[in-house]
Amino acid sequence: MTPRETFEQKLPVKITKEKAQKIGGTYQFKITGDSGGDWSMDLTKEADWISEGVLEGAACVITCGDADWVAIIEGTLNAQMAFMGGKLKVTGPDASKALSMSLKLTSILT
């Protein structure tokens, strides 16, 4: 599996309108490495939450290597352990809000 496949196939089926409304917020994913890229997730919209590219002004920016990202989505790497080990970084205009928002994604990412 590649990061592109996670954003185009795995994650869209895990997001429901109810989850999107409960989580809310805007996310930017910067996946590094040979198969990386930029994807965004806007859970403030009614549908079509994930798109390729950069979402300027995202409240939560998540940076992760391509292999680690795939491992998180496949469930072989715990996202919180990846964060504590420096494999996943969370930033944003308001750092504490960004960290809180990243924790809300657990129901979608795993």
N, C-alpha and C. Protein backbone atom coordinates (compact mmCIF):
# COMPACT_ATOMS: atom_id res chain seq x y z
N MET A 1 0.84 -1.18 0.00
CA MET A 1 0.00 0.00 0.00
C MET A 1 0.89 1.24 0.00
N THR A 2 0.43 2.27 -0.67
CA THR A 2 1.16 3.54 -0.73
C THR A 2 0.36 4.62 0.01
N PRO A 3 1.01 5.73 0.35
CA PRO A 3 0.25 6.83 0.96
C PRO A 3 -0.93 7.26 0.09
N ARG A 4 -0.73 7.34 -1.22
CA ARG A 4 -1.81 7.73 -2.13
C ARG A 4 -3.01 6.79 -1.95
N GLU A 5 -2.75 5.50 -1.88
CA GLU A 5 -3.84 4.53 -1.71
C GLU A 5 -4.54 4.71 -0.37
N THR A 6 -3.79 5.10 0.67
CA THR A 6 -4.45 5.32 1.96
C THR A 6 -5.43 6.48 1.89
N PHE A 7 -5.03 7.55 1.17
CA PHE A 7 -5.89 8.73 1.07
C PHE A 7 -7.02 8.56 0.07
N GLU A 8 -6.80 7.75 -0.96
CA GLU A 8 -7.82 7.59 -1.99
C GLU A 8 -8.77 6.42 -1.73
N GLN A 9 -8.30 5.39 -1.00
CA GLN A 9 -9.10 4.19 -0.82
C GLN A 9 -9.45 3.88 0.63
N LYS A 10 -8.46 3.90 1.51
CA LYS A 10 -8.67 3.48 2.90
C LYS A 10 -9.44 4.51 3.74
N LEU A 11 -8.94 5.74 3.75
CA LEU A 11 -9.52 6.76 4.63
C LEU A 11 -10.92 7.20 4.24
N PRO A 12 -11.22 7.39 2.95
CA PRO A 12 -12.57 7.85 2.60
C PRO A 12 -13.69 6.95 3.10
N VAL A 13 -13.47 5.65 3.14
CA VAL A 13 -14.52 4.74 3.60
C VAL A 13 -14.66 4.74 5.13
N LYS A 14 -13.66 5.27 5.82
CA LYS A 14 -13.72 5.32 7.28
C LYS A 14 -14.41 6.58 7.80
N ILE A 15 -14.57 7.57 6.92
CA ILE A 15 -15.18 8.83 7.35
C ILE A 15 -16.67 8.79 7.05
N THR A 16 -17.44 9.06 8.07
CA THR A 16 -18.89 9.21 7.90
C THR A 16 -19.23 10.66 8.18
N LYS A 17 -20.41 11.06 7.78
CA LYS A 17 -20.85 12.43 8.04
C LYS A 17 -20.84 12.71 9.54
N GLU A 18 -21.25 11.72 10.33
CA GLU A 18 -21.29 11.89 11.79
C GLU A 18 -19.89 12.07 12.36
N LYS A 19 -18.92 11.25 11.88
CA LYS A 19 -17.55 11.39 12.36
C LYS A 19 -16.97 12.74 11.97
N ALA A 20 -17.24 13.15 10.74
CA ALA A 20 -16.73 14.45 10.26
C ALA A 20 -17.26 15.58 11.13
N GLN A 21 -18.55 15.55 11.44
CA GLN A 21 -19.14 16.60 12.27
C GLN A 21 -18.58 16.57 13.68
N LYS A 22 -18.36 15.37 14.22
CA LYS A 22 -17.85 15.24 15.58
C LYS A 22 -16.40 15.72 15.68
N ILE A 23 -15.58 15.37 14.69
CA ILE A 23 -14.17 15.75 14.71
C ILE A 23 -14.00 17.20 14.29
N GLY A 24 -14.60 17.57 13.16
CA GLY A 24 -14.47 18.93 12.66
C GLY A 24 -13.04 19.30 12.35
N GLY A 25 -12.84 20.47 11.84
CA GLY A 25 -11.49 20.98 11.64
C GLY A 25 -10.89 20.68 10.29
N THR A 26 -9.75 21.33 10.05
CA THR A 26 -9.05 21.17 8.79
C THR A 26 -7.65 20.62 9.06
N TYR A 27 -7.24 19.69 8.23
CA TYR A 27 -5.98 18.98 8.42
C TYR A 27 -5.16 19.01 7.14
N GLN A 28 -3.87 19.13 7.29
CA GLN A 28 -2.93 19.02 6.17
C GLN A 28 -1.98 17.88 6.49
N PHE A 29 -1.79 16.99 5.53
CA PHE A 29 -0.87 15.85 5.70
C PHE A 29 0.29 16.03 4.75
N LYS A 30 1.49 16.08 5.29
CA LYS A 30 2.71 16.17 4.50
C LYS A 30 3.44 14.84 4.67
N ILE A 31 3.33 14.01 3.65
CA ILE A 31 3.95 12.69 3.71
C ILE A 31 5.26 12.77 2.94
N THR A 32 6.36 12.49 3.63
CA THR A 32 7.68 12.60 3.02
C THR A 32 8.11 11.24 2.48
N GLY A 33 9.15 11.25 1.67
CA GLY A 33 9.68 10.01 1.11
C GLY A 33 9.33 9.88 -0.36
N ASP A 34 9.83 8.83 -0.97
CA ASP A 34 9.68 8.63 -2.41
C ASP A 34 8.22 8.55 -2.87
N SER A 35 7.35 7.98 -2.04
CA SER A 35 5.94 7.86 -2.44
C SER A 35 5.05 8.84 -1.68
N GLY A 36 5.67 9.87 -1.13
CA GLY A 36 4.92 10.86 -0.35
C GLY A 36 4.19 11.87 -1.21
N GLY A 37 3.67 12.88 -0.55
CA GLY A 37 2.93 13.94 -1.21
C GLY A 37 2.15 14.73 -0.18
N ASP A 38 1.30 15.62 -0.66
CA ASP A 38 0.48 16.46 0.21
C ASP A 38 -0.99 16.14 -0.01
N TRP A 39 -1.70 15.93 1.08
CA TRP A 39 -3.14 15.71 1.05
C TRP A 39 -3.77 16.53 2.16
N SER A 40 -5.02 16.89 1.98
CA SER A 40 -5.72 17.63 3.01
C SER A 40 -7.04 16.94 3.34
N MET A 41 -7.52 17.24 4.53
CA MET A 41 -8.79 16.70 4.99
C MET A 41 -9.56 17.85 5.63
N ASP A 42 -10.71 18.16 5.05
CA ASP A 42 -11.53 19.24 5.58
C ASP A 42 -12.82 18.64 6.11
N LEU A 43 -12.85 18.43 7.42
CA LEU A 43 -14.00 17.80 8.06
C LEU A 43 -15.06 18.81 8.47
N THR A 44 -14.95 20.03 7.95
CA THR A 44 -16.00 21.02 8.17
C THR A 44 -17.00 21.01 7.02
N LYS A 45 -16.67 20.29 5.95
CA LYS A 45 -17.54 20.23 4.77
C LYS A 45 -18.58 19.11 4.94
N GLU A 46 -19.55 19.10 4.05
CA GLU A 46 -20.61 18.09 4.07
C GLU A 46 -20.16 16.76 3.48
N ALA A 47 -19.20 16.80 2.56
CA ALA A 47 -18.71 15.58 1.89
C ALA A 47 -17.40 15.92 1.18
N ASP A 48 -16.86 14.93 0.48
CA ASP A 48 -15.59 15.12 -0.25
C ASP A 48 -14.52 15.72 0.66
N TRP A 49 -14.27 15.02 1.75
CA TRP A 49 -13.40 15.54 2.81
C TRP A 49 -11.92 15.51 2.46
N ILE A 50 -11.50 14.57 1.64
CA ILE A 50 -10.08 14.39 1.36
C ILE A 50 -9.76 14.85 -0.06
N SER A 51 -8.67 15.60 -0.19
CA SER A 51 -8.23 16.00 -1.52
C SER A 51 -6.70 16.05 -1.54
N GLU A 52 -6.17 15.89 -2.73
CA GLU A 52 -4.73 15.98 -2.89
C GLU A 52 -4.34 17.44 -2.98
N GLY A 53 -3.18 17.76 -2.42
CA GLY A 53 -2.67 19.12 -2.47
C GLY A 53 -2.63 19.77 -1.10
N VAL A 54 -2.34 21.05 -1.11
CA VAL A 54 -2.16 21.81 0.13
C VAL A 54 -3.40 22.62 0.43
N LEU A 55 -3.84 22.56 1.67
CA LEU A 55 -4.94 23.37 2.17
C LEU A 55 -4.34 24.47 3.03
N GLU A 56 -4.24 25.66 2.47
CA GLU A 56 -3.65 26.78 3.20
C GLU A 56 -4.46 27.08 4.46
N GLY A 57 -3.77 27.32 5.56
CA GLY A 57 -4.42 27.69 6.79
C GLY A 57 -5.01 26.53 7.58
N ALA A 58 -4.62 25.30 7.25
CA ALA A 58 -5.12 24.14 8.00
C ALA A 58 -4.77 24.29 9.48
N ALA A 59 -5.70 23.94 10.32
CA ALA A 59 -5.50 24.09 11.77
C ALA A 59 -4.52 23.06 12.34
N CYS A 60 -4.39 21.93 11.66
CA CYS A 60 -3.51 20.86 12.13
C CYS A 60 -2.70 20.33 10.95
N VAL A 61 -1.39 20.36 11.07
CA VAL A 61 -0.51 19.87 10.02
C VAL A 61 0.24 18.65 10.56
N ILE A 62 0.09 17.53 9.86
CA ILE A 62 0.71 16.28 10.27
C ILE A 62 1.77 15.92 9.24
N THR A 63 3.00 15.71 9.70
CA THR A 63 4.11 15.34 8.84
C THR A 63 4.59 13.95 9.25
N CYS A 64 4.76 13.08 8.26
CA CYS A 64 5.14 11.70 8.55
C CYS A 64 5.82 11.11 7.32
N GLY A 65 6.75 10.20 7.53
CA GLY A 65 7.39 9.49 6.43
C GLY A 65 6.40 8.52 5.77
N ASP A 66 6.62 8.24 4.50
CA ASP A 66 5.68 7.40 3.75
C ASP A 66 5.50 6.01 4.34
N ALA A 67 6.58 5.33 4.69
CA ALA A 67 6.47 3.97 5.24
C ALA A 67 5.79 3.99 6.61
N ASP A 68 6.11 4.98 7.43
CA ASP A 68 5.48 5.08 8.75
C ASP A 68 3.99 5.40 8.61
N TRP A 69 3.63 6.27 7.66
CA TRP A 69 2.22 6.60 7.45
C TRP A 69 1.42 5.36 7.07
N VAL A 70 1.94 4.59 6.15
CA VAL A 70 1.25 3.37 5.73
C VAL A 70 1.13 2.40 6.90
N ALA A 71 2.17 2.29 7.71
CA ALA A 71 2.13 1.41 8.87
C ALA A 71 1.07 1.87 9.88
N ILE A 72 0.91 3.16 10.05
CA ILE A 72 -0.13 3.68 10.95
C ILE A 72 -1.51 3.30 10.42
N ILE A 73 -1.74 3.52 9.14
CA ILE A 73 -3.04 3.23 8.55
C ILE A 73 -3.33 1.73 8.56
N GLU A 74 -2.31 0.91 8.35
CA GLU A 74 -2.49 -0.54 8.36
C GLU A 74 -2.57 -1.11 9.77
N GLY A 75 -2.29 -0.29 10.78
CA GLY A 75 -2.41 -0.73 12.16
C GLY A 75 -1.19 -1.43 12.72
N THR A 76 -0.05 -1.35 12.03
CA THR A 76 1.16 -1.99 12.54
C THR A 76 2.05 -1.01 13.31
N LEU A 77 1.70 0.27 13.28
CA LEU A 77 2.41 1.30 14.05
C LEU A 77 1.37 2.18 14.72
N ASN A 78 1.46 2.28 16.02
CA ASN A 78 0.55 3.11 16.79
C ASN A 78 0.90 4.58 16.56
N ALA A 79 -0.09 5.39 16.21
CA ALA A 79 0.14 6.80 15.89
C ALA A 79 0.71 7.56 17.08
N GLN A 80 0.25 7.27 18.29
CA GLN A 80 0.77 7.98 19.45
C GLN A 80 2.23 7.59 19.72
N MET A 81 2.57 6.32 19.48
CA MET A 81 3.96 5.89 19.65
C MET A 81 4.83 6.53 18.56
N ALA A 82 4.29 6.64 17.35
CA ALA A 82 5.03 7.30 16.26
C ALA A 82 5.29 8.75 16.62
N PHE A 83 4.31 9.42 17.21
CA PHE A 83 4.48 10.81 17.63
C PHE A 83 5.56 10.91 18.71
N MET A 84 5.48 10.06 19.71
CA MET A 84 6.45 10.12 20.81
C MET A 84 7.85 9.75 20.33
N GLY A 85 7.95 8.92 19.29
CA GLY A 85 9.23 8.53 18.75
C GLY A 85 9.76 9.47 17.68
N GLY A 86 9.04 10.56 17.41
CA GLY A 86 9.48 11.54 16.43
C GLY A 86 9.22 11.16 14.98
N LYS A 87 8.47 10.09 14.76
CA LYS A 87 8.17 9.65 13.40
C LYS A 87 6.97 10.39 12.81
N LEU A 88 6.18 11.00 13.66
CA LEU A 88 5.00 11.75 13.25
C LEU A 88 5.05 13.08 13.98
N LYS A 89 4.96 14.16 13.23
CA LYS A 89 5.03 15.50 13.83
C LYS A 89 3.71 16.21 13.62
N VAL A 90 3.30 16.96 14.63
CA VAL A 90 2.05 17.72 14.58
C VAL A 90 2.36 19.18 14.84
N THR A 91 1.94 20.03 13.91
CA THR A 91 2.12 21.47 14.06
C THR A 91 0.83 22.17 13.64
N GLY A 92 0.82 23.46 13.78
CA GLY A 92 -0.32 24.25 13.37
C GLY A 92 -0.20 25.65 13.94
N PRO A 93 -1.09 26.54 13.51
CA PRO A 93 -1.05 27.93 14.00
C PRO A 93 -1.16 28.01 15.53
N ASP A 94 -1.96 27.13 16.10
CA ASP A 94 -2.12 27.03 17.56
C ASP A 94 -1.68 25.62 17.93
N ALA A 95 -0.47 25.48 18.44
CA ALA A 95 0.14 24.17 18.67
C ALA A 95 -0.69 23.26 19.57
N SER A 96 -1.25 23.79 20.65
CA SER A 96 -2.02 22.95 21.57
C SER A 96 -3.32 22.49 20.91
N LYS A 97 -3.95 23.37 20.13
CA LYS A 97 -5.17 22.99 19.41
C LYS A 97 -4.85 21.93 18.36
N ALA A 98 -3.72 22.08 17.65
CA ALA A 98 -3.33 21.12 16.63
C ALA A 98 -3.11 19.75 17.24
N LEU A 99 -2.47 19.69 18.39
CA LEU A 99 -2.23 18.41 19.05
C LEU A 99 -3.55 17.77 19.46
N SER A 100 -4.45 18.56 20.02
CA SER A 100 -5.77 18.07 20.40
C SER A 100 -6.53 17.55 19.19
N MET A 101 -6.45 18.28 18.08
CA MET A 101 -7.14 17.86 16.86
C MET A 101 -6.57 16.55 16.32
N SER A 102 -5.25 16.38 16.43
CA SER A 102 -4.64 15.16 15.92
C SER A 102 -5.13 13.94 16.69
N LEU A 103 -5.37 14.09 17.96
CA LEU A 103 -5.87 12.97 18.78
C LEU A 103 -7.28 12.56 18.37
N LYS A 104 -8.05 13.50 17.86
CA LYS A 104 -9.42 13.20 17.43
C LYS A 104 -9.45 12.31 16.19
N LEU A 105 -8.35 12.27 15.45
CA LEU A 105 -8.31 11.50 14.21
C LEU A 105 -8.20 9.99 14.43
N THR A 106 -7.96 9.57 15.63
CA THR A 106 -7.75 8.15 15.92
C THR A 106 -8.88 7.29 15.37
N SER A 107 -10.11 7.75 15.47
CA SER A 107 -11.24 6.95 14.99
C SER A 107 -11.24 6.77 13.47
N ILE A 108 -10.51 7.61 12.76
CA ILE A 108 -10.43 7.51 11.31
C ILE A 108 -9.16 6.78 10.87
N LEU A 109 -8.06 7.07 11.54
CA LEU A 109 -6.77 6.53 11.11
C LEU A 109 -6.59 5.05 11.42
N THR A 110 -7.26 4.55 12.42
CA THR A 110 -7.01 3.15 12.81
C THR A 110 -8.21 2.28 12.49
